[in-house]
Amino acid sequence: MTLAANASETRLEARRTRAASGLVYALPALILVFVFFVVPVVALLMRSVLEPTPGLGNYAELLGSSTYIRIFYNTFVVSAVVTVLSVTIGFPVAWMLAIMPARWSTLLFAVILLSMWTNLLTRTYAWMVLLQRTGVINKVLMGIGLIDQPLALVNNLTGVTIGMTYIMLPFVILPLRGVIKTIDPAVLQAASVCGATRWQCLTRVLIPLALPGAAAGALMVFVMSLGYFVTPALLGGTSNMMLAEMIAQFVQSLVNWGMGGAAAFVLLVVTLAIYAVQLRLFGAGRLGQGG
């Protein structure tokens, strides 16, 4: 009994030593997070309840105004649609990248990375040119007889959705490609040998195995879409404002840090809640595999 107790105590002491050593190594990162994230968030929260007068008046005004509720609605609907479109389009692209010959896969992967590295403002202005009433897209659609009049594709949420989906696609394709490449082709072959159709192989084998990558990509796209500023500002216009534009207007134009802080804090809480739900559904380990 004494030997067993001593061994248990030794293991416990070694575990404590490793934990303390790990904390020492993580201390610089924890300090950076505290200084550059925790402190600003707390300061923003304090301003949201102290300016212009102490209390929850900013939150009451923000959540009680139909104008602001409409902006929240625009933000969440566009973010959700962009996420669904990005996953729907990104999945077959990621699958193609995973199974095509290495030379062509590398070339296409380089094109996708190049699109990510291109300046965001440049890509958004390019979409403004393509989507305008005299742009290439409307001219092509009219030329082949699909439409008689140019479509309104800019200064509305349609243009915002198209532009943001294009920009967000790589953030779905990259994690999905990584997960799909780890799937053993023999698993799909075994399912086929056992009598599964192609549709069953897709829906009951491939998609469940690739779900961590899709979840990681969808979470990244949705969270980034909630706080996107440049593309909605240029393609949406003032009549289709989203939350990031409203926060910028409060802070820069109206110099109302209280309302801006309240809107930003509501956005942060919603983002953390969505992340918590996704962790609950998929677990940190599976999301880590996808990311």
C-alpha atoms as a PDB file:
ATOM      1  CA  MET A   1       0.000   0.000   0.000  1.00  0.00           C
ATOM      2  CA  THR A   2       2.833   2.363   0.840  1.00  0.00           C
ATOM      3  CA  LEU A   3       4.574   1.701  -2.474  1.00  0.00           C
ATOM      4  CA  ALA A   4       1.317   2.248  -4.383  1.00  0.00           C
ATOM      5  CA  ALA A   5       0.650   5.482  -2.501  1.00  0.00           C
ATOM      6  CA  ASN A   6       4.165   6.720  -3.188  1.00  0.00           C
ATOM      7  CA  ALA A   7       3.841   5.901  -6.894  1.00  0.00           C
ATOM      8  CA  SER A   8       0.506   7.694  -7.089  1.00  0.00           C
ATOM      9  CA  GLU A   9       1.939  10.736  -5.319  1.00  0.00           C
ATOM     10  CA  THR A  10       4.940  10.739  -7.664  1.00  0.00           C
ATOM     11  CA  ARG A  11       2.692  10.658 -10.725  1.00  0.00           C
ATOM     12  CA  LEU A  12       0.569  13.471  -9.313  1.00  0.00           C
ATOM     13  CA  GLU A  13       3.644  15.575  -8.624  1.00  0.00           C
ATOM     14  CA  ALA A  14       4.963  14.958 -12.147  1.00  0.00           C
ATOM     15  CA  ARG A  15       1.600  15.990 -13.581  1.00  0.00           C
ATOM     16  CA  ARG A  16       1.651  19.205 -11.570  1.00  0.00           C
ATOM     17  CA  THR A  17       5.188  19.921 -12.731  1.00  0.00           C
ATOM     18  CA  ARG A  18       4.222  19.471 -16.381  1.00  0.00           C
ATOM     19  CA  ALA A  19       1.167  21.717 -15.924  1.00  0.00           C
ATOM     20  CA  ALA A  20       3.274  24.434 -14.297  1.00  0.00           C
ATOM     21  CA  SER A  21       5.881  24.139 -17.054  1.00  0.00           C
ATOM     22  CA  GLY A  22       3.197  24.417 -19.735  1.00  0.00           C
ATOM     23  CA  LEU A  23       1.745  27.497 -18.052  1.00  0.00           C
ATOM     24  CA  VAL A  24       5.153  29.166 -18.078  1.00  0.00           C
ATOM     25  CA  TYR A  25       5.543  28.544 -21.807  1.00  0.00           C
ATOM     26  CA  ALA A  26       2.004  29.810 -22.500  1.00  0.00           C
ATOM     27  CA  LEU A  27       2.401  32.921 -20.341  1.00  0.00           C
ATOM     28  CA  PRO A  28       3.588  35.281 -23.176  1.00  0.00           C
ATOM     29  CA  ALA A  29       0.607  34.281 -25.330  1.00  0.00           C
ATOM     30  CA  LEU A  30      -1.777  34.717 -22.391  1.00  0.00           C
ATOM     31  CA  ILE A  31      -0.368  38.186 -21.714  1.00  0.00           C
ATOM     32  CA  LEU A  32      -0.822  39.173 -25.368  1.00  0.00           C
ATOM     33  CA  VAL A  33      -4.426  37.913 -25.362  1.00  0.00           C
ATOM     34  CA  PHE A  34      -5.142  39.781 -22.137  1.00  0.00           C
ATOM     35  CA  VAL A  35      -3.599  43.073 -23.297  1.00  0.00           C
ATOM     36  CA  PHE A  36      -4.875  43.107 -26.885  1.00  0.00           C
ATOM     37  CA  PHE A  37      -8.234  41.332 -26.509  1.00  0.00           C
ATOM     38  CA  VAL A  38      -9.557  41.166 -22.947  1.00  0.00           C
ATOM     39  CA  VAL A  39      -8.685  44.749 -21.984  1.00  0.00           C
ATOM     40  CA  PRO A  40     -10.177  46.351 -25.163  1.00  0.00           C
ATOM     41  CA  VAL A  41     -13.348  44.238 -24.892  1.00  0.00           C
ATOM     42  CA  VAL A  42     -13.831  45.192 -21.250  1.00  0.00           C
ATOM     43  CA  ALA A  43     -13.178  48.862 -22.084  1.00  0.00           C
ATOM     44  CA  LEU A  44     -15.743  48.692 -24.896  1.00  0.00           C
ATOM     45  CA  LEU A  45     -18.268  47.061 -22.587  1.00  0.00           C
ATOM     46  CA  MET A  46     -17.737  49.789 -19.976  1.00  0.00           C
ATOM     47  CA  ARG A  47     -18.252  52.533 -22.555  1.00  0.00           C
ATOM     48  CA  SER A  48     -21.436  50.846 -23.782  1.00  0.00           C
ATOM     49  CA  VAL A  49     -22.993  51.092 -20.303  1.00  0.00           C
ATOM     50  CA  LEU A  50     -21.457  54.424 -19.209  1.00  0.00           C
ATOM     51  CA  GLU A  51     -21.767  56.679 -22.292  1.00  0.00           C
ATOM     52  CA  PRO A  52     -23.574  59.003 -22.698  1.00  0.00           C
ATOM     53  CA  THR A  53     -25.313  58.181 -19.399  1.00  0.00           C
ATOM     54  CA  PRO A  54     -24.806  55.179 -17.080  1.00  0.00           C
ATOM     55  CA  GLY A  55     -27.251  52.338 -17.597  1.00  0.00           C
ATOM     56  CA  LEU A  56     -28.509  49.996 -20.289  1.00  0.00           C
ATOM     57  CA  GLY A  57     -30.065  52.734 -22.411  1.00  0.00           C
ATOM     58  CA  ASN A  58     -27.819  51.985 -25.390  1.00  0.00           C
ATOM     59  CA  TYR A  59     -28.877  48.334 -25.447  1.00  0.00           C
ATOM     60  CA  ALA A  60     -32.548  49.264 -25.018  1.00  0.00           C
ATOM     61  CA  GLU A  61     -32.354  51.683 -27.932  1.00  0.00           C
ATOM     62  CA  LEU A  62     -30.388  49.231 -30.060  1.00  0.00           C
ATOM     63  CA  LEU A  63     -32.774  46.310 -29.537  1.00  0.00           C
ATOM     64  CA  GLY A  64     -35.940  48.403 -29.431  1.00  0.00           C
ATOM     65  CA  SER A  65     -35.561  50.297 -32.709  1.00  0.00           C
ATOM     66  CA  SER A  66     -37.013  48.778 -35.873  1.00  0.00           C
ATOM     67  CA  THR A  67     -34.208  50.407 -37.893  1.00  0.00           C
ATOM     68  CA  TYR A  68     -31.478  48.720 -35.890  1.00  0.00           C
ATOM     69  CA  ILE A  69     -33.375  45.419 -35.800  1.00  0.00           C
ATOM     70  CA  ARG A  70     -33.533  45.574 -39.594  1.00  0.00           C
ATOM     71  CA  ILE A  71     -29.758  45.983 -39.726  1.00  0.00           C
ATOM     72  CA  PHE A  72     -29.317  42.967 -37.439  1.00  0.00           C
ATOM     73  CA  TYR A  73     -31.711  41.025 -39.682  1.00  0.00           C
ATOM     74  CA  ASN A  74     -29.761  41.974 -42.828  1.00  0.00           C
ATOM     75  CA  THR A  75     -26.494  40.964 -41.185  1.00  0.00           C
ATOM     76  CA  PHE A  76     -27.595  37.531 -39.994  1.00  0.00           C
ATOM     77  CA  VAL A  77     -29.571  36.637 -43.115  1.00  0.00           C
ATOM     78  CA  VAL A  78     -26.749  37.597 -45.484  1.00  0.00           C
ATOM     79  CA  SER A  79     -24.178  35.803 -43.305  1.00  0.00           C
ATOM     80  CA  ALA A  80     -26.318  32.644 -43.225  1.00  0.00           C
ATOM     81  CA  VAL A  81     -26.933  32.684 -46.998  1.00  0.00           C
ATOM     82  CA  VAL A  82     -23.243  33.308 -47.707  1.00  0.00           C
ATOM     83  CA  THR A  83     -22.314  30.410 -45.423  1.00  0.00           C
ATOM     84  CA  VAL A  84     -24.734  27.994 -47.100  1.00  0.00           C
ATOM     85  CA  LEU A  85     -23.645  29.027 -50.599  1.00  0.00           C
ATOM     86  CA  SER A  86     -19.955  28.818 -49.685  1.00  0.00           C
ATOM     87  CA  VAL A  87     -20.309  25.276 -48.287  1.00  0.00           C
ATOM     88  CA  THR A  88     -22.512  24.170 -51.206  1.00  0.00           C
ATOM     89  CA  ILE A  89     -20.057  25.460 -53.819  1.00  0.00           C
ATOM     90  CA  GLY A  90     -16.907  24.747 -51.842  1.00  0.00           C
ATOM     91  CA  PHE A  91     -17.603  21.052 -51.197  1.00  0.00           C
ATOM     92  CA  PRO A  92     -17.430  19.860 -54.834  1.00  0.00           C
ATOM     93  CA  VAL A  93     -14.419  22.119 -55.462  1.00  0.00           C
ATOM     94  CA  ALA A  94     -12.604  20.660 -52.443  1.00  0.00           C
ATOM     95  CA  TRP A  95     -13.526  17.130 -53.560  1.00  0.00           C
ATOM     96  CA  MET A  96     -12.194  17.841 -57.042  1.00  0.00           C
ATOM     97  CA  LEU A  97      -8.946  19.214 -55.587  1.00  0.00           C
ATOM     98  CA  ALA A  98      -8.551  16.078 -53.475  1.00  0.00           C
ATOM     99  CA  ILE A  99      -9.042  13.507 -56.266  1.00  0.00           C
ATOM    100  CA  MET A 100      -7.666  15.165 -59.413  1.00  0.00           C
ATOM    101  CA  PRO A 101      -4.055  14.581 -60.594  1.00  0.00           C
ATOM    102  CA  ALA A 102      -1.434  16.290 -58.463  1.00  0.00           C
ATOM    103  CA  ARG A 103      -0.250  18.670 -61.201  1.00  0.00           C
ATOM    104  CA  TRP A 104      -3.703  20.065 -61.929  1.00  0.00           C
ATOM    105  CA  SER A 105      -4.642  20.078 -58.258  1.00  0.00           C
ATOM    106  CA  THR A 106      -1.556  22.144 -57.417  1.00  0.00           C
ATOM    107  CA  LEU A 107      -2.317  24.599 -60.216  1.00  0.00           C
ATOM    108  CA  LEU A 108      -5.944  25.079 -59.182  1.00  0.00           C
ATOM    109  CA  PHE A 109      -4.951  25.321 -55.525  1.00  0.00           C
ATOM    110  CA  ALA A 110      -2.462  28.056 -56.428  1.00  0.00           C
ATOM    111  CA  VAL A 111      -5.215  29.983 -58.255  1.00  0.00           C
ATOM    112  CA  ILE A 112      -7.431  29.796 -55.149  1.00  0.00           C
ATOM    113  CA  LEU A 113      -4.597  30.990 -52.916  1.00  0.00           C
ATOM    114  CA  LEU A 114      -3.814  33.803 -55.356  1.00  0.00           C
ATOM    115  CA  SER A 115      -7.415  34.989 -55.143  1.00  0.00           C
ATOM    116  CA  MET A 116      -7.081  35.106 -51.344  1.00  0.00           C
ATOM    117  CA  TRP A 117      -3.866  37.111 -51.533  1.00  0.00           C
ATOM    118  CA  THR A 118      -5.305  39.666 -53.958  1.00  0.00           C
ATOM    119  CA  ASN A 119      -6.278  42.929 -52.283  1.00  0.00           C
ATOM    120  CA  LEU A 120      -9.829  42.799 -50.924  1.00  0.00           C
ATOM    121  CA  LEU A 121     -10.678  46.283 -52.171  1.00  0.00           C
ATOM    122  CA  THR A 122      -9.514  45.370 -55.678  1.00  0.00           C
ATOM    123  CA  ARG A 123     -11.693  42.248 -55.753  1.00  0.00           C
ATOM    124  CA  THR A 124     -14.724  44.178 -54.509  1.00  0.00           C
ATOM    125  CA  TYR A 125     -14.311  46.901 -57.135  1.00  0.00           C
ATOM    126  CA  ALA A 126     -13.977  44.170 -59.773  1.00  0.00           C
ATOM    127  CA  TRP A 127     -17.348  42.774 -58.695  1.00  0.00           C
ATOM    128  CA  MET A 128     -18.834  46.278 -58.867  1.00  0.00           C
ATOM    129  CA  VAL A 129     -17.778  46.439 -62.515  1.00  0.00           C
ATOM    130  CA  LEU A 130     -19.079  42.945 -63.274  1.00  0.00           C
ATOM    131  CA  LEU A 131     -22.447  43.379 -61.543  1.00  0.00           C
ATOM    132  CA  GLN A 132     -23.446  46.873 -62.642  1.00  0.00           C
ATOM    133  CA  ARG A 133     -26.318  47.338 -65.121  1.00  0.00           C
ATOM    134  CA  THR A 134     -23.881  47.753 -68.017  1.00  0.00           C
ATOM    135  CA  GLY A 135     -21.502  45.113 -66.674  1.00  0.00           C
ATOM    136  CA  VAL A 136     -20.349  41.869 -68.237  1.00  0.00           C
ATOM    137  CA  ILE A 137     -22.854  39.658 -66.422  1.00  0.00           C
ATOM    138  CA  ASN A 138     -25.907  41.635 -67.507  1.00  0.00           C
ATOM    139  CA  LYS A 139     -24.585  41.931 -71.066  1.00  0.00           C
ATOM    140  CA  VAL A 140     -24.008  38.177 -71.316  1.00  0.00           C
ATOM    141  CA  LEU A 141     -27.446  37.346 -69.901  1.00  0.00           C
ATOM    142  CA  MET A 142     -29.115  39.772 -72.313  1.00  0.00           C
ATOM    143  CA  GLY A 143     -26.980  38.540 -75.196  1.00  0.00           C
ATOM    144  CA  ILE A 144     -28.103  34.920 -74.773  1.00  0.00           C
ATOM    145  CA  GLY A 145     -31.726  35.995 -74.311  1.00  0.00           C
ATOM    146  CA  LEU A 146     -32.259  35.028 -70.675  1.00  0.00           C
ATOM    147  CA  ILE A 147     -33.313  38.563 -69.674  1.00  0.00           C
ATOM    148  CA  ASP A 148     -34.745  41.576 -71.500  1.00  0.00           C
ATOM    149  CA  GLN A 149     -33.728  44.250 -68.992  1.00  0.00           C
ATOM    150  CA  PRO A 150     -30.540  44.535 -66.915  1.00  0.00           C
ATOM    151  CA  LEU A 151     -30.817  43.025 -63.435  1.00  0.00           C
ATOM    152  CA  ALA A 152     -30.210  45.152 -60.342  1.00  0.00           C
ATOM    153  CA  LEU A 153     -27.195  43.358 -58.898  1.00  0.00           C
ATOM    154  CA  VAL A 154     -25.478  46.198 -57.032  1.00  0.00           C
ATOM    155  CA  ASN A 155     -26.608  48.539 -54.254  1.00  0.00           C
ATOM    156  CA  ASN A 156     -28.652  45.705 -52.772  1.00  0.00           C
ATOM    157  CA  LEU A 157     -28.178  42.566 -50.695  1.00  0.00           C
ATOM    158  CA  THR A 158     -27.955  40.406 -53.833  1.00  0.00           C
ATOM    159  CA  GLY A 159     -24.677  42.038 -54.812  1.00  0.00           C
ATOM    160  CA  VAL A 160     -23.412  41.807 -51.239  1.00  0.00           C
ATOM    161  CA  THR A 161     -24.184  38.077 -51.137  1.00  0.00           C
ATOM    162  CA  ILE A 162     -22.464  37.401 -54.474  1.00  0.00           C
ATOM    163  CA  GLY A 163     -19.350  39.383 -53.580  1.00  0.00           C
ATOM    164  CA  MET A 164     -19.026  37.924 -50.085  1.00  0.00           C
ATOM    165  CA  THR A 165     -19.573  34.351 -51.288  1.00  0.00           C
ATOM    166  CA  TYR A 166     -16.715  34.732 -53.757  1.00  0.00           C
ATOM    167  CA  ILE A 167     -14.428  36.149 -51.071  1.00  0.00           C
ATOM    168  CA  MET A 168     -15.370  33.523 -48.469  1.00  0.00           C
ATOM    169  CA  LEU A 169     -15.111  30.432 -50.689  1.00  0.00           C
ATOM    170  CA  PRO A 170     -11.404  29.754 -50.006  1.00  0.00           C
ATOM    171  CA  PHE A 171     -12.080  29.641 -46.259  1.00  0.00           C
ATOM    172  CA  VAL A 172     -14.389  26.673 -46.860  1.00  0.00           C
ATOM    173  CA  ILE A 173     -12.356  24.981 -49.581  1.00  0.00           C
ATOM    174  CA  LEU A 174      -9.084  24.870 -47.623  1.00  0.00           C
ATOM    175  CA  PRO A 175     -10.297  22.995 -44.503  1.00  0.00           C
ATOM    176  CA  LEU A 176     -12.590  20.752 -46.563  1.00  0.00           C
ATOM    177  CA  ARG A 177      -9.764  19.802 -48.901  1.00  0.00           C
ATOM    178  CA  GLY A 178      -7.575  18.892 -45.939  1.00  0.00           C
ATOM    179  CA  VAL A 179     -10.232  16.637 -44.421  1.00  0.00           C
ATOM    180  CA  ILE A 180     -11.229  14.968 -47.698  1.00  0.00           C
ATOM    181  CA  LYS A 181      -7.600  14.137 -48.538  1.00  0.00           C
ATOM    182  CA  THR A 182      -7.354  12.190 -45.275  1.00  0.00           C
ATOM    183  CA  ILE A 183     -10.320   9.960 -46.198  1.00  0.00           C
ATOM    184  CA  ASP A 184      -9.120   6.560 -47.402  1.00  0.00           C
ATOM    185  CA  PRO A 185     -10.584   5.840 -50.883  1.00  0.00           C
ATOM    186  CA  ALA A 186     -10.895   2.205 -49.784  1.00  0.00           C
ATOM    187  CA  VAL A 187     -13.751   3.276 -47.487  1.00  0.00           C
ATOM    188  CA  LEU A 188     -15.808   4.452 -50.473  1.00  0.00           C
ATOM    189  CA  GLN A 189     -14.833   1.356 -52.442  1.00  0.00           C
ATOM    190  CA  ALA A 190     -15.943  -0.852 -49.546  1.00  0.00           C
ATOM    191  CA  ALA A 191     -19.289   0.939 -49.405  1.00  0.00           C
ATOM    192  CA  SER A 192     -19.730   0.410 -53.149  1.00  0.00           C
ATOM    193  CA  VAL A 193     -18.833  -3.279 -52.870  1.00  0.00           C
ATOM    194  CA  CYS A 194     -21.412  -3.649 -50.105  1.00  0.00           C
ATOM    195  CA  GLY A 195     -24.106  -2.389 -52.470  1.00  0.00           C
ATOM    196  CA  ALA A 196     -24.223   1.338 -51.784  1.00  0.00           C
ATOM    197  CA  THR A 197     -25.182   3.541 -54.695  1.00  0.00           C
ATOM    198  CA  ARG A 198     -23.161   6.634 -55.606  1.00  0.00           C
ATOM    199  CA  TRP A 199     -25.713   8.815 -53.825  1.00  0.00           C
ATOM    200  CA  GLN A 200     -25.493   6.663 -50.700  1.00  0.00           C
ATOM    201  CA  CYS A 201     -21.684   6.766 -50.811  1.00  0.00           C
ATOM    202  CA  LEU A 202     -21.902  10.549 -50.951  1.00  0.00           C
ATOM    203  CA  THR A 203     -24.568  11.126 -48.300  1.00  0.00           C
ATOM    204  CA  ARG A 204     -23.799   8.285 -45.876  1.00  0.00           C
ATOM    205  CA  VAL A 205     -20.018   7.966 -46.156  1.00  0.00           C
ATOM    206  CA  LEU A 206     -18.251  10.974 -47.697  1.00  0.00           C
ATOM    207  CA  ILE A 207     -20.304  13.832 -46.229  1.00  0.00           C
ATOM    208  CA  PRO A 208     -20.311  12.452 -42.634  1.00  0.00           C
ATOM    209  CA  LEU A 209     -16.548  11.921 -42.783  1.00  0.00           C
ATOM    210  CA  ALA A 210     -15.993  15.407 -44.215  1.00  0.00           C
ATOM    211  CA  LEU A 211     -18.379  17.069 -41.757  1.00  0.00           C
ATOM    212  CA  PRO A 212     -15.620  18.385 -39.417  1.00  0.00           C
ATOM    213  CA  GLY A 213     -14.056  20.304 -42.312  1.00  0.00           C
ATOM    214  CA  ALA A 214     -17.428  21.652 -43.435  1.00  0.00           C
ATOM    215  CA  ALA A 215     -18.264  22.698 -39.866  1.00  0.00           C
ATOM    216  CA  ALA A 216     -14.916  24.440 -39.391  1.00  0.00           C
ATOM    217  CA  GLY A 217     -15.251  26.265 -42.716  1.00  0.00           C
ATOM    218  CA  ALA A 218     -18.882  27.210 -42.098  1.00  0.00           C
ATOM    219  CA  LEU A 219     -18.069  28.590 -38.649  1.00  0.00           C
ATOM    220  CA  MET A 220     -15.191  30.640 -40.037  1.00  0.00           C
ATOM    221  CA  VAL A 221     -17.276  32.026 -42.900  1.00  0.00           C
ATOM    222  CA  PHE A 222     -20.292  32.880 -40.743  1.00  0.00           C
ATOM    223  CA  VAL A 223     -18.246  34.649 -38.064  1.00  0.00           C
ATOM    224  CA  MET A 224     -16.237  36.600 -40.626  1.00  0.00           C
ATOM    225  CA  SER A 225     -19.402  37.529 -42.540  1.00  0.00           C
ATOM    226  CA  LEU A 226     -21.002  38.967 -39.393  1.00  0.00           C
ATOM    227  CA  GLY A 227     -18.234  41.539 -39.092  1.00  0.00           C
ATOM    228  CA  TYR A 228     -17.508  42.204 -42.760  1.00  0.00           C
ATOM    229  CA  PHE A 229     -17.294  45.859 -43.747  1.00  0.00           C
ATOM    230  CA  VAL A 230     -15.700  46.640 -47.124  1.00  0.00           C
ATOM    231  CA  THR A 231     -17.802  44.457 -49.440  1.00  0.00           C
ATOM    232  CA  PRO A 232     -21.225  45.338 -47.915  1.00  0.00           C
ATOM    233  CA  ALA A 233     -20.291  49.042 -47.884  1.00  0.00           C
ATOM    234  CA  LEU A 234     -19.378  49.079 -51.588  1.00  0.00           C
ATOM    235  CA  LEU A 235     -21.889  46.593 -53.022  1.00  0.00           C
ATOM    236  CA  GLY A 236     -24.803  47.157 -50.667  1.00  0.00           C
ATOM    237  CA  GLY A 237     -25.059  50.901 -50.338  1.00  0.00           C
ATOM    238  CA  THR A 238     -26.465  52.934 -47.458  1.00  0.00           C
ATOM    239  CA  SER A 239     -29.994  51.550 -47.803  1.00  0.00           C
ATOM    240  CA  ASN A 240     -28.804  47.981 -47.115  1.00  0.00           C
ATOM    241  CA  MET A 241     -26.503  48.629 -44.189  1.00  0.00           C
ATOM    242  CA  MET A 242     -25.021  45.757 -42.187  1.00  0.00           C
ATOM    243  CA  LEU A 243     -23.836  45.672 -38.599  1.00  0.00           C
ATOM    244  CA  ALA A 244     -20.161  46.448 -39.200  1.00  0.00           C
ATOM    245  CA  GLU A 245     -21.119  49.538 -41.225  1.00  0.00           C
ATOM    246  CA  MET A 246     -23.446  50.674 -38.438  1.00  0.00           C
ATOM    247  CA  ILE A 247     -20.703  50.310 -35.819  1.00  0.00           C
ATOM    248  CA  ALA A 248     -18.275  52.269 -38.007  1.00  0.00           C
ATOM    249  CA  GLN A 249     -20.881  54.992 -38.496  1.00  0.00           C
ATOM    250  CA  PHE A 250     -21.527  55.257 -34.753  1.00  0.00           C
ATOM    251  CA  VAL A 251     -17.816  55.562 -33.972  1.00  0.00           C
ATOM    252  CA  GLN A 252     -16.476  57.572 -36.922  1.00  0.00           C
ATOM    253  CA  SER A 253     -19.358  59.786 -38.029  1.00  0.00           C
ATOM    254  CA  LEU A 254     -21.545  60.208 -34.946  1.00  0.00           C
ATOM    255  CA  VAL A 255     -18.734  59.773 -32.366  1.00  0.00           C
ATOM    256  CA  ASN A 256     -21.197  57.774 -30.280  1.00  0.00           C
ATOM    257  CA  TRP A 257     -18.935  55.248 -28.591  1.00  0.00           C
ATOM    258  CA  GLY A 258     -21.731  54.060 -26.311  1.00  0.00           C
ATOM    259  CA  MET A 259     -23.978  52.841 -29.125  1.00  0.00           C
ATOM    260  CA  GLY A 260     -21.013  51.569 -31.127  1.00  0.00           C
ATOM    261  CA  GLY A 261     -19.753  49.622 -28.127  1.00  0.00           C
ATOM    262  CA  ALA A 262     -23.215  48.179 -27.456  1.00  0.00           C
ATOM    263  CA  ALA A 263     -23.572  46.999 -31.063  1.00  0.00           C
ATOM    264  CA  ALA A 264     -20.077  45.517 -31.057  1.00  0.00           C
ATOM    265  CA  PHE A 265     -20.677  43.734 -27.756  1.00  0.00           C
ATOM    266  CA  VAL A 266     -23.973  42.253 -28.985  1.00  0.00           C
ATOM    267  CA  LEU A 267     -22.141  40.988 -32.074  1.00  0.00           C
ATOM    268  CA  LEU A 268     -19.401  39.458 -29.870  1.00  0.00           C
ATOM    269  CA  VAL A 269     -21.928  37.696 -27.632  1.00  0.00           C
ATOM    270  CA  VAL A 270     -23.811  36.255 -30.613  1.00  0.00           C
ATOM    271  CA  THR A 271     -20.554  35.065 -32.193  1.00  0.00           C
ATOM    272  CA  LEU A 272     -19.416  33.343 -28.990  1.00  0.00           C
ATOM    273  CA  ALA A 273     -22.858  31.744 -28.591  1.00  0.00           C
ATOM    274  CA  ILE A 274     -22.704  30.328 -32.121  1.00  0.00           C
ATOM    275  CA  TYR A 275     -19.202  29.002 -31.476  1.00  0.00           C
ATOM    276  CA  ALA A 276     -20.372  27.375 -28.224  1.00  0.00           C
ATOM    277  CA  VAL A 277     -23.269  25.677 -30.011  1.00  0.00           C
ATOM    278  CA  GLN A 278     -20.957  24.354 -32.704  1.00  0.00           C
ATOM    279  CA  LEU A 279     -18.507  23.053 -30.096  1.00  0.00           C
ATOM    280  CA  ARG A 280     -21.423  21.325 -28.401  1.00  0.00           C
ATOM    281  CA  LEU A 281     -22.514  19.697 -31.637  1.00  0.00           C
ATOM    282  CA  PHE A 282     -19.142  18.696 -33.074  1.00  0.00           C
ATOM    283  CA  GLY A 283     -16.639  18.921 -30.218  1.00  0.00           C
ATOM    284  CA  ALA A 284     -13.317  20.747 -30.128  1.00  0.00           C
ATOM    285  CA  GLY A 285     -11.425  17.713 -31.407  1.00  0.00           C
ATOM    286  CA  ARG A 286     -13.496  17.308 -34.579  1.00  0.00           C
ATOM    287  CA  LEU A 287     -13.424  21.041 -35.299  1.00  0.00           C
ATOM    288  CA  GLY A 288      -9.661  20.896 -34.828  1.00  0.00           C
ATOM    289  CA  GLN A 289      -9.452  18.159 -37.441  1.00  0.00           C
ATOM    290  CA  GLY A 290     -11.430  20.351 -39.822  1.00  0.00           C
ATOM    291  CA  GLY A 291      -9.350  23.453 -39.129  1.00  0.00           C
END
